């Protein structure tokens, strides 16, 4: 009952409440945007956490010289 398509200025449940027990107030909260990492970055971070940065760098260097 509180949702409508198209959205109303005030939800129906607030409009029809005869006891005036419901109020409607919009508020804005500032949210810090989280940086989305790509799958590769997440995987690399995980490997660095597990094996250490130098080991990951050495492995990538070794793999890149094979090709």
N, C-alpha and C. Protein backbone atom coordinates (compact mmCIF):
# COMPACT_ATOMS: atom_id res chain seq x y z
N UNK A 1 0.82 -1.19 0.00
CA UNK A 1 0.00 0.00 0.00
C UNK A 1 0.87 1.26 0.00
N UNK A 2 2.09 1.16 0.47
CA UNK A 2 2.95 2.35 0.55
C UNK A 2 3.69 2.63 -0.75
N UNK A 3 3.68 1.67 -1.69
CA UNK A 3 4.38 1.90 -2.94
C UNK A 3 3.38 2.25 -4.03
N UNK A 4 3.80 3.07 -4.96
CA UNK A 4 2.92 3.49 -6.04
C UNK A 4 3.73 3.70 -7.30
N UNK A 5 3.08 3.46 -8.43
CA UNK A 5 3.73 3.70 -9.71
C UNK A 5 2.82 4.59 -10.52
N UNK A 6 3.11 5.79 -10.81
CA UNK A 6 4.32 6.54 -10.50
C UNK A 6 4.36 6.93 -9.02
N UNK A 7 5.56 7.22 -8.53
CA UNK A 7 5.70 7.57 -7.11
C UNK A 7 4.88 8.82 -6.75
N UNK A 8 4.28 8.78 -5.58
CA UNK A 8 3.49 9.91 -5.10
C UNK A 8 4.37 10.85 -4.28
N UNK A 9 3.88 12.05 -4.05
CA UNK A 9 4.62 13.00 -3.21
C UNK A 9 4.69 12.50 -1.78
N UNK A 10 3.66 11.79 -1.38
CA UNK A 10 3.58 11.24 -0.02
C UNK A 10 2.94 9.86 -0.13
N UNK A 11 3.48 8.83 0.53
CA UNK A 11 2.93 7.49 0.41
C UNK A 11 1.45 7.43 0.81
N UNK A 12 0.72 6.49 0.18
CA UNK A 12 -0.72 6.35 0.45
C UNK A 12 -0.99 6.06 1.92
N UNK A 13 -0.14 5.26 2.57
CA UNK A 13 -0.39 4.92 3.96
C UNK A 13 -0.37 6.17 4.85
N UNK A 14 0.46 7.15 4.49
CA UNK A 14 0.51 8.39 5.27
C UNK A 14 -0.73 9.24 4.96
N UNK A 15 -1.13 9.28 3.70
CA UNK A 15 -2.30 10.07 3.31
C UNK A 15 -3.58 9.55 3.96
N UNK A 16 -3.73 8.24 4.08
CA UNK A 16 -4.97 7.64 4.56
C UNK A 16 -4.99 7.38 6.06
N UNK A 17 -3.92 7.65 6.76
CA UNK A 17 -3.90 7.41 8.21
C UNK A 17 -4.77 8.46 8.90
N UNK A 18 -5.92 8.03 9.41
CA UNK A 18 -6.88 8.96 10.01
C UNK A 18 -6.42 9.50 11.35
N UNK A 19 -5.58 8.76 12.04
CA UNK A 19 -5.13 9.20 13.36
C UNK A 19 -3.92 10.12 13.28
N UNK A 20 -3.46 10.42 12.09
CA UNK A 20 -2.25 11.23 11.88
C UNK A 20 -1.05 10.67 12.66
N UNK A 21 -1.00 9.35 12.73
CA UNK A 21 0.09 8.71 13.46
C UNK A 21 1.33 8.53 12.58
N UNK A 22 1.13 8.58 11.27
CA UNK A 22 2.25 8.41 10.36
C UNK A 22 2.65 9.75 9.76
N UNK A 23 3.93 9.96 9.66
CA UNK A 23 4.44 11.15 8.99
C UNK A 23 5.43 10.72 7.93
N UNK A 24 5.64 11.57 6.98
CA UNK A 24 6.56 11.27 5.89
C UNK A 24 7.61 12.36 5.83
N UNK A 25 8.86 11.94 5.89
CA UNK A 25 9.94 12.91 5.84
C UNK A 25 11.06 12.32 4.98
N UNK A 26 11.46 13.06 3.97
CA UNK A 26 12.59 12.62 3.15
C UNK A 26 13.85 13.20 3.73
N UNK A 27 14.88 12.40 3.71
CA UNK A 27 16.16 12.91 4.19
C UNK A 27 17.25 12.39 3.28
N UNK A 28 18.30 13.16 3.20
CA UNK A 28 19.44 12.78 2.38
C UNK A 28 20.61 12.48 3.29
N UNK A 29 21.26 11.38 3.01
CA UNK A 29 22.44 11.01 3.77
C UNK A 29 23.63 11.00 2.83
N UNK A 30 24.71 11.59 3.28
CA UNK A 30 25.91 11.57 2.47
C UNK A 30 26.60 10.23 2.67
N UNK A 31 26.86 9.59 1.57
CA UNK A 31 27.49 8.28 1.61
C UNK A 31 28.78 8.36 0.81
N UNK A 32 29.84 7.87 1.40
CA UNK A 32 31.10 7.85 0.69
C UNK A 32 31.02 6.79 -0.40
N UNK A 33 31.39 7.19 -1.60
CA UNK A 33 31.36 6.24 -2.69
C UNK A 33 32.54 5.28 -2.55
N UNK A 34 32.22 4.01 -2.63
CA UNK A 34 33.24 2.99 -2.51
C UNK A 34 33.84 2.74 -3.89
N UNK A 35 35.13 2.67 -3.94
CA UNK A 35 35.81 2.42 -5.20
C UNK A 35 35.59 0.96 -5.57
N UNK A 36 35.05 0.74 -6.76
CA UNK A 36 34.81 -0.62 -7.23
C UNK A 36 36.10 -1.15 -7.87
N UNK A 37 36.58 -2.23 -7.34
CA UNK A 37 37.76 -2.85 -7.92
C UNK A 37 37.33 -3.88 -8.94
N UNK A 38 38.10 -4.01 -9.97
CA UNK A 38 37.81 -5.02 -10.97
C UNK A 38 38.24 -6.38 -10.43
N UNK A 39 37.73 -7.43 -11.04
CA UNK A 39 38.03 -8.79 -10.59
C UNK A 39 39.53 -9.06 -10.53
N UNK A 40 40.27 -8.57 -11.53
CA UNK A 40 41.70 -8.81 -11.56
C UNK A 40 42.39 -8.13 -10.37
N UNK A 41 41.97 -6.91 -10.05
CA UNK A 41 42.58 -6.19 -8.92
C UNK A 41 42.28 -6.90 -7.61
N UNK A 42 41.06 -7.40 -7.48
CA UNK A 42 40.69 -8.12 -6.27
C UNK A 42 41.53 -9.38 -6.14
N UNK A 43 41.71 -10.09 -7.26
CA UNK A 43 42.52 -11.30 -7.24
C UNK A 43 43.97 -11.01 -6.90
N UNK A 44 44.52 -9.94 -7.49
CA UNK A 44 45.91 -9.58 -7.20
C UNK A 44 46.09 -9.18 -5.74
N UNK A 45 45.15 -8.40 -5.21
CA UNK A 45 45.24 -8.02 -3.80
C UNK A 45 45.21 -9.25 -2.90
N UNK A 46 44.38 -10.20 -3.25
CA UNK A 46 44.28 -11.43 -2.48
C UNK A 46 45.60 -12.21 -2.51
N UNK A 47 46.21 -12.29 -3.70
CA UNK A 47 47.49 -13.00 -3.81
C UNK A 47 48.60 -12.27 -3.05
N UNK A 48 48.61 -10.94 -3.12
CA UNK A 48 49.61 -10.16 -2.39
C UNK A 48 49.44 -10.37 -0.89
N UNK A 49 48.20 -10.37 -0.43
CA UNK A 49 47.95 -10.61 0.99
C UNK A 49 48.44 -11.99 1.42
N UNK A 50 48.25 -12.98 0.55
CA UNK A 50 48.59 -14.35 0.91
C UNK A 50 50.08 -14.65 0.74
N UNK A 51 50.68 -14.22 -0.39
CA UNK A 51 52.04 -14.61 -0.71
C UNK A 51 53.07 -13.50 -0.58
N UNK A 52 52.62 -12.26 -0.51
CA UNK A 52 53.55 -11.13 -0.43
C UNK A 52 53.76 -10.52 -1.80
N UNK A 53 54.01 -9.22 -1.82
CA UNK A 53 54.13 -8.47 -3.06
C UNK A 53 55.30 -8.96 -3.92
N UNK A 54 56.45 -9.17 -3.31
CA UNK A 54 57.63 -9.56 -4.08
C UNK A 54 57.43 -10.90 -4.78
N UNK A 55 56.82 -11.85 -4.11
CA UNK A 55 56.57 -13.17 -4.71
C UNK A 55 55.63 -13.04 -5.92
N UNK A 56 54.60 -12.21 -5.81
CA UNK A 56 53.67 -12.00 -6.92
C UNK A 56 54.39 -11.32 -8.08
N UNK A 57 55.21 -10.31 -7.80
CA UNK A 57 55.97 -9.62 -8.85
C UNK A 57 56.91 -10.58 -9.55
N UNK A 58 57.63 -11.40 -8.78
CA UNK A 58 58.56 -12.37 -9.37
C UNK A 58 57.82 -13.36 -10.26
N UNK A 59 56.69 -13.83 -9.81
CA UNK A 59 55.91 -14.81 -10.58
C UNK A 59 55.40 -14.19 -11.88
N UNK A 60 54.89 -12.97 -11.82
CA UNK A 60 54.40 -12.29 -13.03
C UNK A 60 55.55 -12.05 -14.00
N UNK A 61 56.72 -11.66 -13.49
CA UNK A 61 57.88 -11.45 -14.35
C UNK A 61 58.30 -12.75 -15.01
N UNK A 62 58.29 -13.85 -14.25
CA UNK A 62 58.68 -15.15 -14.79
C UNK A 62 57.69 -15.61 -15.86
N UNK A 63 56.40 -15.43 -15.60
CA UNK A 63 55.37 -15.84 -16.56
C UNK A 63 55.44 -15.00 -17.83
N UNK A 64 55.69 -13.72 -17.69
CA UNK A 64 55.71 -12.84 -18.86
C UNK A 64 56.91 -13.11 -19.77
N UNK A 65 58.00 -13.63 -19.23
CA UNK A 65 59.16 -13.95 -20.08
C UNK A 65 58.97 -15.25 -20.83
N UNK A 66 58.08 -16.12 -20.38
CA UNK A 66 57.80 -17.39 -21.06
C UNK A 66 57.11 -17.15 -22.39
N UNK A 67 56.29 -16.13 -22.47
CA UNK A 67 55.49 -15.88 -23.67
C UNK A 67 56.30 -15.14 -24.64
